[in-house]
């Protein structure tokens, strides 16, 4: 039996802890997640239990995220920490790095991107979503990724080859297909009649080469 990964989510906004917990649980059932809403409660919980990962807000009642991170580092150096904040700045980012956070993410964030960070931190294999599609289904799949403000990559495999479309915050930002890149690759992929697809998370390192909005791109292909 595979041992469950244990996650503690700390944020004074209950809707945020609920949303993160629900999305992570839906994506992977091998997670044990606890949510608390202030730094002191988190500290007391950490005195009695160990967690593989702590996802914590910076500003909250009781101990703030930085103090909590220092406490975690003393008690359990191997615990990974992801800090969240709505008050992003270079100083906060440097402080988070100095204190030893695994990652620092600014609110509002795409829940899919946070989920990717969590899985990376816990070294959980992410196979993504896979399936079969036809030409009409590919357009619908792109629309779903854009409407949900996704940070992801869609890889399509067909008899014509392999093509990948990249999304960031719901925008189509780049596409690659063989030697083709940008919009030429995007439209080439859209012309494929059948194939299989795989959707996985992707970070912020993909360079943007497509600047038209996704509705215009899909309209031009019809």
Protein backbone atom coordinates (compact mmCIF):
# COMPACT_ATOMS: atom_id res chain seq x y z
CA UNK A 1 0.00 0.00 0.00
CA UNK A 2 1.34 3.42 -1.01
CA UNK A 3 1.80 5.79 1.92
CA UNK A 4 -0.26 8.94 1.62
CA UNK A 5 1.43 12.32 1.26
CA UNK A 6 0.41 14.71 4.05
CA UNK A 7 -0.31 18.37 3.26
CA UNK A 8 -1.15 21.26 5.59
CA UNK A 9 -2.86 24.31 4.04
CA UNK A 10 -2.80 27.54 6.06
CA UNK A 11 -4.78 30.63 5.05
CA UNK A 12 -7.20 32.90 6.90
CA UNK A 13 -9.61 32.78 3.93
CA UNK A 14 -11.61 29.57 4.24
CA UNK A 15 -12.75 29.63 0.62
CA UNK A 16 -9.10 29.49 -0.49
CA UNK A 17 -8.19 26.53 1.73
CA UNK A 18 -11.38 24.75 0.61
CA UNK A 19 -10.71 25.33 -3.09
CA UNK A 20 -7.09 24.17 -2.86
CA UNK A 21 -8.01 21.10 -0.82
CA UNK A 22 -10.86 20.11 -3.13
CA UNK A 23 -8.78 20.48 -6.31
CA UNK A 24 -5.86 18.51 -4.90
CA UNK A 25 -8.12 15.73 -3.60
CA UNK A 26 -9.94 15.48 -6.93
CA UNK A 27 -6.62 15.22 -8.74
CA UNK A 28 -5.02 12.61 -6.48
CA UNK A 29 -6.73 10.43 -3.86
CA UNK A 30 -3.41 9.52 -2.25
CA UNK A 31 -3.25 12.81 -0.34
CA UNK A 32 -4.13 13.51 3.28
CA UNK A 33 -4.95 17.21 3.59
CA UNK A 34 -5.62 19.36 6.66
CA UNK A 35 -6.67 23.02 6.59
CA UNK A 36 -6.26 25.65 9.32
CA UNK A 37 -6.83 29.40 9.24
CA UNK A 38 -4.15 31.03 11.36
CA UNK A 39 -0.43 30.63 11.98
CA UNK A 40 -0.65 29.68 15.66
CA UNK A 41 -3.06 26.81 15.02
CA UNK A 42 -0.73 25.59 12.29
CA UNK A 43 2.23 25.78 14.69
CA UNK A 44 0.41 23.76 17.35
CA UNK A 45 -0.57 21.16 14.78
CA UNK A 46 3.03 20.91 13.57
CA UNK A 47 4.15 20.22 17.15
CA UNK A 48 2.21 16.96 17.11
CA UNK A 49 2.23 15.88 13.47
CA UNK A 50 4.57 15.85 10.50
CA UNK A 51 3.70 16.96 7.00
CA UNK A 52 5.39 16.42 3.66
CA UNK A 53 4.29 19.86 2.45
CA UNK A 54 2.93 23.07 3.96
CA UNK A 55 1.13 25.58 1.72
CA UNK A 56 0.85 28.83 3.68
CA UNK A 57 -0.27 32.41 3.27
CA UNK A 58 2.21 35.10 4.33
CA UNK A 59 -0.14 37.55 6.08
CA UNK A 60 -2.58 35.94 8.53
CA UNK A 61 -3.58 36.05 12.22
CA UNK A 62 -1.06 34.76 14.76
CA UNK A 63 2.28 33.75 13.31
CA UNK A 64 2.80 35.04 9.79
CA UNK A 65 4.00 32.77 7.02
CA UNK A 66 7.67 33.66 7.48
CA UNK A 67 7.67 32.93 11.22
CA UNK A 68 5.82 29.68 10.55
CA UNK A 69 8.41 28.77 7.94
CA UNK A 70 11.25 29.35 10.41
CA UNK A 71 9.45 27.15 12.96
CA UNK A 72 9.02 24.40 10.37
CA UNK A 73 12.67 24.60 9.35
CA UNK A 74 13.70 24.01 13.00
CA UNK A 75 11.32 21.12 13.58
CA UNK A 76 11.28 19.39 10.20
CA UNK A 77 13.90 20.54 7.68
CA UNK A 78 12.69 18.06 5.05
CA UNK A 79 9.15 19.51 4.93
CA UNK A 80 8.58 21.42 1.69
CA UNK A 81 6.96 24.87 1.92
CA UNK A 82 5.02 26.85 -0.67
CA UNK A 83 4.26 30.46 0.32
CA UNK A 84 1.26 32.39 -1.03
CA UNK A 85 0.71 36.14 -0.84
CA UNK A 86 -1.53 38.85 -2.24
CA UNK A 87 1.16 41.43 -1.45
CA UNK A 88 3.90 40.44 -3.84
CA UNK A 89 7.18 42.33 -4.02
CA UNK A 90 10.82 41.67 -4.75
CA UNK A 91 11.60 41.98 -1.03
CA UNK A 92 9.05 39.33 -0.09
CA UNK A 93 10.30 37.06 -2.86
CA UNK A 94 13.91 37.40 -1.67
CA UNK A 95 12.88 36.83 1.93
CA UNK A 96 10.97 33.68 0.97
CA UNK A 97 14.01 32.38 -0.89
CA UNK A 98 16.35 33.24 2.00
CA UNK A 99 14.11 31.52 4.53
CA UNK A 100 14.08 28.38 2.39
CA UNK A 101 10.64 28.15 0.78
CA UNK A 102 10.22 25.58 -1.98
CA UNK A 103 8.26 28.09 -4.02
CA UNK A 104 6.62 31.51 -3.74
CA UNK A 105 3.36 32.23 -5.60
CA UNK A 106 1.36 35.45 -5.83
CA UNK A 107 -2.42 35.70 -5.50
CA UNK A 108 -4.57 35.48 -7.49
CA UNK A 109 -3.08 32.35 -9.05
CA UNK A 110 -4.29 29.64 -11.38
CA UNK A 111 -5.29 26.65 -9.26
CA UNK A 112 -3.89 24.31 -11.91
CA UNK A 113 -0.48 25.94 -11.61
CA UNK A 114 -0.50 25.58 -7.80
CA UNK A 115 -1.53 21.96 -8.20
CA UNK A 116 1.46 21.44 -10.49
CA UNK A 117 3.77 23.00 -7.89
CA UNK A 118 2.36 20.74 -5.18
CA UNK A 119 2.85 17.62 -7.29
CA UNK A 120 6.38 18.71 -8.19
CA UNK A 121 7.23 19.34 -4.54
CA UNK A 122 5.89 15.93 -3.51
CA UNK A 123 7.47 14.24 -6.56
CA UNK A 124 4.12 12.83 -7.62
CA UNK A 125 3.98 11.52 -11.16
CA UNK A 126 1.57 13.63 -13.25
CA UNK A 127 0.20 11.76 -16.23
CA UNK A 128 -2.31 14.52 -16.94
CA UNK A 129 -5.57 14.08 -18.82
CA UNK A 130 -5.50 11.85 -21.89
CA UNK A 131 -8.06 10.91 -24.52
CA UNK A 132 -9.06 10.67 -28.18
CA UNK A 133 -10.42 13.54 -30.24
CA UNK A 134 -11.53 14.64 -33.68
CA UNK A 135 -11.07 17.99 -35.42
CA UNK A 136 -14.17 19.56 -33.85
CA UNK A 137 -13.22 18.23 -30.42
CA UNK A 138 -9.79 19.87 -30.58
CA UNK A 139 -11.33 23.32 -30.90
CA UNK A 140 -13.61 22.62 -27.95
CA UNK A 141 -10.64 21.39 -25.91
CA UNK A 142 -8.75 24.62 -26.60
CA UNK A 143 -11.82 26.65 -25.62
CA UNK A 144 -12.12 24.77 -22.30
CA UNK A 145 -8.44 25.39 -21.47
CA UNK A 146 -8.78 29.09 -22.25
CA UNK A 147 -12.11 29.61 -20.47
CA UNK A 148 -10.77 27.96 -17.31
CA UNK A 149 -7.74 30.33 -17.27
CA UNK A 150 -5.43 27.32 -17.43
CA UNK A 151 -1.65 27.16 -17.23
CA UNK A 152 -1.11 23.98 -19.19
CA UNK A 153 0.14 22.37 -22.34
CA UNK A 154 -1.93 20.35 -24.79
CA UNK A 155 0.01 17.72 -26.74
CA UNK A 156 -1.74 16.20 -29.76
CA UNK A 157 -0.50 13.07 -31.48
CA UNK A 158 -1.85 12.03 -34.90
CA UNK A 159 -0.70 10.36 -38.09
CA UNK A 160 0.57 13.81 -39.13
CA UNK A 161 2.97 14.07 -36.21
CA UNK A 162 3.10 15.55 -32.71
CA UNK A 163 2.12 19.10 -31.87
CA UNK A 164 1.95 21.05 -28.61
CA UNK A 165 -0.10 24.13 -27.73
CA UNK A 166 0.83 26.11 -24.61
CA UNK A 167 -1.60 28.07 -22.41
CA UNK A 168 -0.92 30.70 -19.76
CA UNK A 169 -3.72 32.25 -17.69
CA UNK A 170 -6.15 31.12 -20.37
CA UNK A 171 -4.25 32.61 -23.31
CA UNK A 172 -2.72 30.60 -26.14
CA UNK A 173 0.89 31.78 -25.94
CA UNK A 174 2.89 29.36 -28.10
CA UNK A 175 2.65 26.29 -30.34
CA UNK A 176 5.17 23.87 -31.81
CA UNK A 177 4.79 21.21 -34.46
CA UNK A 178 7.88 19.73 -36.09
CA UNK A 179 9.81 22.66 -37.56
CA UNK A 180 6.79 24.96 -37.31
CA UNK A 181 6.30 27.36 -34.40
CA UNK A 182 3.87 30.04 -33.26
CA UNK A 183 0.61 30.54 -35.23
CA UNK A 184 1.74 28.39 -38.17
CA UNK A 185 2.14 25.44 -35.82
CA UNK A 186 -1.19 26.25 -34.09
CA UNK A 187 -3.19 26.22 -37.33
CA UNK A 188 -1.38 23.14 -38.60
CA UNK A 189 -2.40 21.23 -35.46
CA UNK A 190 -5.99 22.45 -35.78
CA UNK A 191 -6.17 20.99 -39.30
CA UNK A 192 -5.57 17.45 -38.04
CA UNK A 193 -8.74 15.39 -38.27
CA UNK A 194 -8.17 12.75 -35.58
CA UNK A 195 -5.65 11.89 -32.88
CA UNK A 196 -5.02 11.52 -29.19
CA UNK A 197 -4.35 14.27 -26.68
CA UNK A 198 -2.64 14.76 -23.34
CA UNK A 199 -3.00 17.79 -21.05
CA UNK A 200 -0.34 18.47 -18.43
CA UNK A 201 0.61 21.44 -16.29
CA UNK A 202 3.38 23.78 -17.35
CA UNK A 203 5.27 26.54 -15.61
CA UNK A 204 6.06 30.09 -16.63
CA UNK A 205 9.18 29.42 -18.71
CA UNK A 206 7.56 29.14 -22.14
CA UNK A 207 8.36 32.18 -24.28
CA UNK A 208 5.28 33.82 -25.78
CA UNK A 209 5.09 33.83 -29.58
CA UNK A 210 1.30 34.13 -30.10
CA UNK A 211 -0.37 37.41 -29.12
CA UNK A 212 -3.85 37.27 -30.65
CA UNK A 213 -6.65 36.22 -28.28
CA UNK A 214 -7.87 32.64 -28.48
CA UNK A 215 -11.33 33.52 -29.82
CA UNK A 216 -9.76 35.27 -32.81
CA UNK A 217 -7.42 32.33 -33.37
CA UNK A 218 -10.28 29.82 -33.40
CA UNK A 219 -12.43 32.07 -35.59
CA UNK A 220 -9.63 32.37 -38.14
CA UNK A 221 -9.37 28.57 -38.32
CA UNK A 222 -13.08 28.00 -39.05
